[in-house]
Amino acid sequence: MGTALAGLSLGALLLTGCAHKAEQQGPAVVQKTPSPSAAATGQPTYKVGNPYQIGGIWYYPRADYDYDQTGIASWYGPGFHQERTANGEIFDQNELTAAHQTLPMPSLVRVTNLDNGRSIVVRINDRGPFAAGRIIDLSRRSAQLLGMEQQGTAKVRVQILADESRAIAAAAMQAGGAQVALNAPPSSAAPVPTTMADGSPVPKAAPRPSVTVQGQALPPAQGGAAPGPSPAPSRPIQAPTTIPGTTEPDGRFLPAPVVQQVAVGPGPKKIYVQAGSFTLFDNANKLRARLAGIGPSFLAPTMVNGTQFFRVRVGPLDTPEQADKVLDQVVAAGNNGARVIVE
């Protein structure tokens, strides 16, 4: 049993593939944690953060510069426009930002829609999504540029831009604007946070101009907020210059709305629920057999750093909604580390 649990835990970290809101955009449903008090003060900061618990699930933020996963993206917008994000900013649905459960804030990631090949760079500035089966929660403008606004969800690949994100972290450390916590295991007596944001409002950016994708213009974002009052002076966190964009007076880096069209391979991408990953075949096969009543279950072997793992999967599944139902069943069967992946 100990070997199985260790294999499951390690495999989930190595091999598997918003948040804060209770809003429905098309078929996407996400959860929301309470906003901090309006009296909170401070400027946007660089944060990694302590382990935290939402809905009975622990999340472990860390600076993972190898992050590269596939899964289902959702988006959030009108109901949360101008609310505070987890690193102290004010959410602007017209900027290219996103919420992630564990990556540093801010960091830059490339998000690619695996159905249409559209790819953009967004800035992580919030925590989430905490809806089961989602790996990133995008701003409305990001969803528009990726071509997923109407359907509400999309199969995506999320890749951290390691060099650029390291540069942001280094600049934050030098400027003294970083809040970085050690990733120590949580104490059973530790309080369970329900909010993770602080800081005062920062100026709003004007709506972005139109974007060009292979010669075809996309419309600008609608309903942009007017710039707000200027904040107290703060030391800016300078952004890397290798990614097009602008650095605002308060130090925020705003990626430019550049959409790349990339090759994503032939045929539709398939959705699976990955229940766990084991180094021992027998343990993986026992779990596969237990999940056979839920749906087609199988083992997907892979090698990581010279070690073979046996990933236990259920699928393929036709839609994110079907994957959500299967994921609920797999978790209810005692596999809390299960998640949705796309291959």
Protein backbone atom coordinates (compact mmCIF):
# COMPACT_ATOMS: atom_id res chain seq x y z
CA MET A 1 0.00 0.00 0.00
CA GLY A 2 2.83 2.38 0.85
CA THR A 3 4.49 1.71 -2.48
CA ALA A 4 1.21 2.25 -4.28
CA LEU A 5 0.60 5.56 -2.57
CA ALA A 6 4.13 6.71 -3.22
CA GLY A 7 3.85 5.71 -6.86
CA LEU A 8 0.53 7.44 -7.18
CA SER A 9 1.77 10.64 -5.59
CA LEU A 10 5.01 10.82 -7.56
CA GLY A 11 3.34 9.84 -10.79
CA ALA A 12 0.66 12.46 -10.38
CA LEU A 13 3.30 15.14 -9.97
CA LEU A 14 5.50 13.98 -12.83
CA LEU A 15 3.16 12.62 -15.40
CA THR A 16 -0.36 13.98 -15.29
CA GLY A 17 -0.65 15.55 -18.49
CA CYS A 18 -10.90 28.86 -11.93
CA ALA A 19 -11.21 29.11 -9.46
CA HIS A 20 -12.46 31.64 -7.34
CA LYS A 21 -15.69 31.90 -9.29
CA ALA A 22 -19.23 30.51 -9.41
CA GLU A 23 -20.03 31.60 -12.93
CA GLN A 24 -21.17 29.89 -16.08
CA GLN A 25 -19.77 30.93 -19.45
CA GLY A 26 -21.38 28.64 -22.00
CA PRO A 27 -20.85 25.14 -20.57
CA ALA A 28 -17.99 26.14 -18.28
CA VAL A 29 -18.76 26.28 -14.57
CA VAL A 30 -16.13 27.54 -12.14
CA GLN A 31 -16.01 28.22 -8.41
CA LYS A 32 -15.22 31.43 -6.53
CA THR A 33 -13.50 32.01 -3.24
CA PRO A 34 -14.39 35.14 -1.25
CA SER A 35 -12.77 38.43 -2.23
CA PRO A 36 -10.58 40.20 0.32
CA SER A 37 -11.74 43.25 2.18
CA ALA A 38 -11.90 46.44 0.16
CA ALA A 39 -9.80 48.02 2.88
CA ALA A 40 -6.82 45.84 2.01
CA THR A 41 -3.82 47.86 0.88
CA GLY A 42 -0.65 47.21 -1.05
CA GLN A 43 0.69 46.90 -4.58
CA PRO A 44 0.75 43.89 -6.91
CA THR A 45 3.44 41.50 -5.73
CA TYR A 46 5.33 38.48 -6.93
CA LYS A 47 4.05 35.43 -5.06
CA VAL A 48 4.59 31.72 -4.94
CA GLY A 49 2.63 31.12 -1.77
CA ASN A 50 1.99 28.54 0.93
CA PRO A 51 0.08 25.29 0.48
CA TYR A 52 -3.64 25.99 0.69
CA GLN A 53 -6.88 24.03 0.77
CA ILE A 54 -10.04 24.60 -1.26
CA GLY A 55 -12.99 22.24 -1.17
CA GLY A 56 -11.04 19.67 0.81
CA ILE A 57 -8.19 19.52 -1.73
CA TRP A 58 -4.65 20.72 -0.94
CA TYR A 59 -2.70 22.69 -3.55
CA TYR A 60 1.08 23.20 -3.39
CA PRO A 61 2.30 26.34 -5.20
CA ARG A 62 5.88 26.20 -6.48
CA ALA A 63 8.15 27.68 -9.11
CA ASP A 64 7.92 24.90 -11.69
CA TYR A 65 9.87 26.06 -14.73
CA ASP A 66 9.35 22.70 -16.47
CA TYR A 67 5.56 23.00 -16.38
CA ASP A 68 4.02 21.62 -19.59
CA GLN A 69 0.57 20.03 -19.31
CA THR A 70 -2.57 19.43 -21.30
CA GLY A 71 -6.13 19.60 -20.09
CA ILE A 72 -9.34 21.62 -20.21
CA ALA A 73 -9.37 25.42 -19.98
CA SER A 74 -12.30 27.59 -18.87
CA TRP A 75 -12.70 31.38 -18.80
CA TYR A 76 -14.13 34.09 -16.56
CA GLY A 77 -15.04 37.68 -17.20
CA PRO A 78 -18.02 40.01 -16.67
CA GLY A 79 -19.02 38.81 -13.20
CA PHE A 80 -15.49 39.34 -11.86
CA HIS A 81 -14.28 42.36 -13.80
CA GLN A 82 -12.47 44.74 -11.39
CA GLU A 83 -12.35 42.25 -8.53
CA ARG A 84 -9.03 41.68 -6.80
CA THR A 85 -6.78 38.84 -7.94
CA ALA A 86 -4.57 36.66 -5.75
CA ASN A 87 -1.46 38.81 -6.19
CA GLY A 88 -3.15 42.10 -5.38
CA GLU A 89 -4.10 43.29 -8.85
CA ILE A 90 -7.55 44.21 -10.08
CA PHE A 91 -8.85 41.73 -12.62
CA ASP A 92 -9.40 43.18 -16.09
CA GLN A 93 -11.28 40.84 -18.40
CA ASN A 94 -9.80 42.65 -21.44
CA GLU A 95 -6.17 41.87 -20.56
CA LEU A 96 -4.34 38.64 -21.39
CA THR A 97 -4.25 37.09 -17.92
CA ALA A 98 -5.18 33.79 -16.32
CA ALA A 99 -5.61 31.96 -13.03
CA HIS A 100 -3.54 28.88 -12.20
CA GLN A 101 -3.56 26.68 -9.14
CA THR A 102 0.18 26.53 -8.40
CA LEU A 103 2.43 28.55 -10.74
CA PRO A 104 4.12 31.75 -9.50
CA MET A 105 2.29 35.07 -9.86
CA PRO A 106 3.17 36.67 -12.13
CA SER A 107 4.63 34.20 -14.59
CA LEU A 108 4.15 33.88 -18.31
CA VAL A 109 2.66 30.83 -20.00
CA ARG A 110 1.83 29.94 -23.56
CA VAL A 111 -1.68 28.53 -23.99
CA THR A 112 -2.48 26.64 -27.20
CA ASN A 113 -5.97 25.62 -28.26
CA LEU A 114 -5.44 22.03 -29.39
CA ASP A 115 -8.51 22.08 -31.62
CA ASN A 116 -7.74 25.11 -33.79
CA GLY A 117 -4.00 25.70 -33.24
CA ARG A 118 -4.36 29.24 -31.90
CA SER A 119 -1.68 30.09 -29.33
CA ILE A 120 -1.18 33.14 -27.09
CA VAL A 121 0.97 34.23 -24.14
CA VAL A 122 -0.87 35.14 -20.93
CA ARG A 123 0.25 36.35 -17.52
CA ILE A 124 -0.68 34.34 -14.43
CA ASN A 125 -1.98 36.73 -11.76
CA ASP A 126 -4.67 34.74 -9.95
CA ARG A 127 -5.33 31.40 -8.24
CA GLY A 128 -7.68 28.80 -9.73
CA PRO A 129 -9.45 27.11 -11.34
CA PHE A 130 -10.84 24.98 -8.52
CA ALA A 131 -13.55 23.36 -10.62
CA ALA A 132 -12.68 19.69 -11.11
CA GLY A 133 -11.14 18.90 -14.46
CA ARG A 134 -9.81 22.39 -15.34
CA ILE A 135 -6.14 23.36 -15.47
CA ILE A 136 -6.33 27.09 -16.28
CA ASP A 137 -8.97 29.84 -16.11
CA LEU A 138 -8.48 32.47 -18.79
CA SER A 139 -9.62 36.06 -19.02
CA ARG A 140 -12.44 36.77 -21.45
CA ARG A 141 -10.12 38.43 -23.96
CA SER A 142 -7.77 35.44 -23.85
CA ALA A 143 -10.73 33.15 -24.54
CA GLN A 144 -11.77 35.32 -27.48
CA LEU A 145 -8.33 35.19 -29.06
CA LEU A 146 -8.13 31.42 -28.60
CA GLY A 147 -11.53 30.99 -30.22
CA MET A 148 -13.19 29.35 -27.19
CA GLU A 149 -15.44 32.10 -25.84
CA GLN A 150 -18.70 30.67 -27.18
CA GLN A 151 -18.20 27.07 -26.10
CA GLY A 152 -16.79 28.08 -22.69
CA THR A 153 -14.12 25.38 -22.52
CA ALA A 154 -11.33 24.13 -24.76
CA LYS A 155 -8.69 21.43 -24.90
CA VAL A 156 -5.40 23.21 -24.34
CA ARG A 157 -1.69 22.83 -23.75
CA VAL A 158 -0.16 25.12 -21.10
CA GLN A 159 3.62 25.69 -21.17
CA ILE A 160 5.49 28.01 -18.85
CA LEU A 161 7.95 30.40 -20.52
CA ALA A 162 10.83 29.49 -18.25
CA ASP A 163 13.42 32.15 -19.11
CA GLU A 164 10.92 34.99 -19.08
CA SER A 165 9.28 33.82 -15.86
CA ARG A 166 12.67 33.44 -14.16
CA ALA A 167 13.53 36.99 -15.23
CA ILE A 168 10.32 38.29 -13.66
CA ALA A 169 11.10 36.44 -10.43
CA ALA A 170 14.69 37.72 -10.31
CA ALA A 171 13.57 41.30 -10.93
CA ALA A 172 10.96 40.99 -8.18
CA MET A 173 13.53 39.69 -5.71
CA GLN A 174 15.88 42.54 -6.53
CA ALA A 175 13.08 45.10 -6.20
CA GLY A 176 12.04 43.65 -2.87
CA GLY A 177 8.50 43.05 -4.05
CA ALA A 178 8.42 39.29 -3.66
CA GLN A 179 6.46 37.11 -1.29
CA VAL A 180 7.82 33.59 -1.62
CA ALA A 181 6.94 30.78 0.78
CA LEU A 182 8.69 27.47 1.34
CA ASN A 183 6.79 24.45 0.09
CA ALA A 184 6.69 22.71 3.45
CA PRO A 185 3.98 20.12 4.09
CA PRO A 186 0.97 21.74 5.77
CA SER A 187 0.46 21.23 9.48
CA SER A 188 -2.78 19.54 10.44
CA ALA A 189 -3.32 22.40 12.86
CA ALA A 190 -2.67 25.09 10.25
CA PRO A 191 -5.62 27.34 9.43
CA VAL A 192 -7.32 26.64 6.12
CA PRO A 193 -7.30 29.83 4.03
CA THR A 194 -10.32 30.70 1.96
CA THR A 195 -8.80 33.81 0.36
CA MET A 196 -5.31 34.41 -0.94
CA ALA A 197 -5.37 37.98 -2.17
CA ASP A 198 -4.34 41.31 -0.74
CA GLY A 199 -3.23 44.72 -2.02
CA SER A 200 -4.93 47.88 -3.23
CA PRO A 201 -6.41 48.67 -6.66
CA VAL A 202 -4.08 49.44 -9.54
CA PRO A 203 -4.81 51.42 -12.72
CA LYS A 204 -6.87 49.76 -15.41
CA ALA A 205 -5.46 49.33 -18.88
CA ALA A 206 -7.42 50.60 -21.84
CA PRO A 207 -8.94 47.97 -24.16
CA ARG A 208 -6.36 46.39 -26.44
CA PRO A 209 -6.29 47.15 -30.18
CA SER A 210 -7.34 44.68 -32.83
CA VAL A 211 -5.19 41.60 -33.32
CA THR A 212 -4.00 40.00 -36.53
CA VAL A 213 -3.91 36.26 -37.05
CA GLN A 214 -2.42 35.25 -40.38
CA GLY A 215 -3.75 38.38 -42.06
CA GLN A 216 -7.26 38.28 -40.58
CA ALA A 217 -8.18 40.97 -38.07
CA LEU A 218 -9.92 40.04 -34.85
CA PRO A 219 -12.18 42.63 -33.20
CA PRO A 220 -10.93 44.52 -30.16
CA ALA A 221 -12.26 43.65 -26.73
CA GLN A 222 -15.54 45.32 -25.82
CA GLY A 223 -16.58 47.01 -22.61
CA GLY A 224 -13.13 48.05 -21.40
CA ALA A 225 -12.86 49.97 -18.15
CA ALA A 226 -11.51 53.50 -18.06
CA PRO A 227 -8.15 54.00 -16.36
CA GLY A 228 -8.45 54.34 -12.60
CA PRO A 229 -6.56 56.61 -10.22
CA SER A 230 -2.79 56.39 -10.03
CA PRO A 231 -1.42 54.36 -7.14
CA ALA A 232 1.30 55.35 -4.76
CA PRO A 233 4.77 55.03 -6.32
CA SER A 234 6.26 51.55 -6.12
CA ARG A 235 9.36 49.86 -7.44
CA PRO A 236 8.38 48.24 -10.74
CA ILE A 237 8.98 44.59 -11.55
CA GLN A 238 10.60 44.85 -14.96
CA ALA A 239 9.38 42.30 -17.46
CA PRO A 240 11.54 40.47 -19.98
CA THR A 241 11.85 42.06 -23.39
CA THR A 242 11.70 38.84 -25.39
CA ILE A 243 7.88 38.76 -25.24
CA PRO A 244 5.98 41.60 -26.99
CA GLY A 245 4.01 43.71 -24.56
CA THR A 246 4.09 46.74 -22.30
CA THR A 247 5.16 47.45 -18.73
CA GLU A 248 2.60 49.56 -16.87
CA PRO A 249 3.62 52.33 -14.40
CA ASP A 250 2.82 50.04 -11.47
CA GLY A 251 5.21 47.39 -12.79
CA ARG A 252 2.70 45.00 -14.37
CA PHE A 253 3.78 43.43 -17.63
CA LEU A 254 0.94 43.09 -20.14
CA PRO A 255 1.59 40.61 -22.96
CA ALA A 256 0.70 41.96 -26.39
CA PRO A 257 -2.35 40.35 -28.03
CA VAL A 258 -0.31 38.33 -30.52
CA VAL A 259 -1.92 35.14 -31.78
CA GLN A 260 0.26 32.49 -33.35
CA GLN A 261 -1.12 29.73 -35.51
CA VAL A 262 0.76 26.55 -34.64
CA ALA A 263 0.64 22.95 -35.82
CA VAL A 264 -1.14 20.72 -33.30
CA GLY A 265 -0.99 17.45 -35.21
CA PRO A 266 -3.62 15.61 -37.27
CA GLY A 267 -7.01 14.60 -35.93
CA PRO A 268 -8.95 15.61 -32.84
CA LYS A 269 -7.26 15.43 -29.46
CA LYS A 270 -8.70 12.79 -27.13
CA ILE A 271 -9.77 13.40 -23.53
CA TYR A 272 -8.96 10.98 -20.71
CA VAL A 273 -9.27 10.86 -16.94
CA GLN A 274 -5.95 9.83 -15.43
CA ALA A 275 -6.56 8.17 -12.08
CA GLY A 276 -2.94 7.80 -11.03
CA SER A 277 0.52 6.62 -11.98
CA PHE A 278 2.54 3.76 -10.47
CA THR A 279 6.02 2.34 -10.72
CA LEU A 280 4.69 -1.16 -9.98
CA PHE A 281 2.67 -2.83 -12.72
CA ASP A 282 0.59 -4.93 -10.33
CA ASN A 283 -0.60 -1.91 -8.34
CA ALA A 284 -1.52 -0.05 -11.53
CA ASN A 285 -3.33 -3.05 -12.95
CA LYS A 286 -5.38 -3.52 -9.78
CA LEU A 287 -6.59 0.07 -9.99
CA ARG A 288 -7.33 -0.35 -13.70
CA ALA A 289 -9.51 -3.35 -12.90
CA ARG A 290 -11.39 -1.45 -10.17
CA LEU A 291 -12.19 1.38 -12.58
CA ALA A 292 -13.39 -0.87 -15.40
CA GLY A 293 -16.99 -0.45 -14.23
CA ILE A 294 -16.77 3.32 -14.73
CA GLY A 295 -15.57 3.18 -18.32
CA PRO A 296 -12.89 1.77 -20.62
CA SER A 297 -9.76 1.66 -18.44
CA PHE A 298 -6.23 0.89 -19.56
CA LEU A 299 -2.55 1.32 -18.69
CA ALA A 300 -0.38 3.84 -20.53
CA PRO A 301 3.30 3.08 -19.80
CA THR A 302 5.90 5.84 -20.06
CA MET A 303 9.51 6.47 -19.10
CA VAL A 304 10.53 9.46 -16.96
CA ASN A 305 14.21 10.00 -16.14
CA GLY A 306 14.94 6.33 -16.69
CA THR A 307 12.05 5.07 -14.53
CA GLN A 308 9.02 3.34 -15.98
CA PHE A 309 5.58 4.47 -14.83
CA PHE A 310 2.23 2.87 -15.52
CA ARG A 311 -0.47 5.51 -15.88
CA VAL A 312 -4.04 4.38 -15.21
CA ARG A 313 -6.52 6.06 -17.53
CA VAL A 314 -10.22 5.94 -18.34
CA GLY A 315 -11.39 6.92 -21.82
CA PRO A 316 -11.25 8.24 -24.43
CA LEU A 317 -14.13 10.58 -23.63
CA ASP A 318 -16.05 12.66 -26.13
CA THR A 319 -16.57 15.99 -24.34
CA PRO A 320 -15.33 17.93 -21.30
CA GLU A 321 -18.77 17.45 -19.76
CA GLN A 322 -18.48 13.67 -20.07
CA ALA A 323 -14.96 13.86 -18.65
CA ASP A 324 -16.30 15.84 -15.67
CA LYS A 325 -18.78 13.07 -14.85
CA VAL A 326 -16.16 10.33 -15.16
CA LEU A 327 -13.71 12.36 -13.07
CA ASP A 328 -16.29 12.68 -10.30
CA GLN A 329 -16.76 8.90 -10.32
CA VAL A 330 -13.02 8.21 -10.27
CA VAL A 331 -12.49 10.60 -7.36
CA ALA A 332 -15.46 9.11 -5.50
CA ALA A 333 -13.74 5.72 -5.86
CA GLY A 334 -10.89 7.05 -3.71
CA ASN A 335 -8.52 8.56 -6.30
CA ASN A 336 -8.21 12.18 -5.16
CA GLY A 337 -5.24 12.85 -7.45
CA ALA A 338 -7.21 12.06 -10.63
CA ARG A 339 -7.40 14.71 -13.32
CA VAL A 340 -8.46 15.31 -16.90
CA ILE A 341 -5.78 15.21 -19.62
CA VAL A 342 -5.75 15.62 -23.39
CA GLU A 343 -3.61 13.70 -25.83
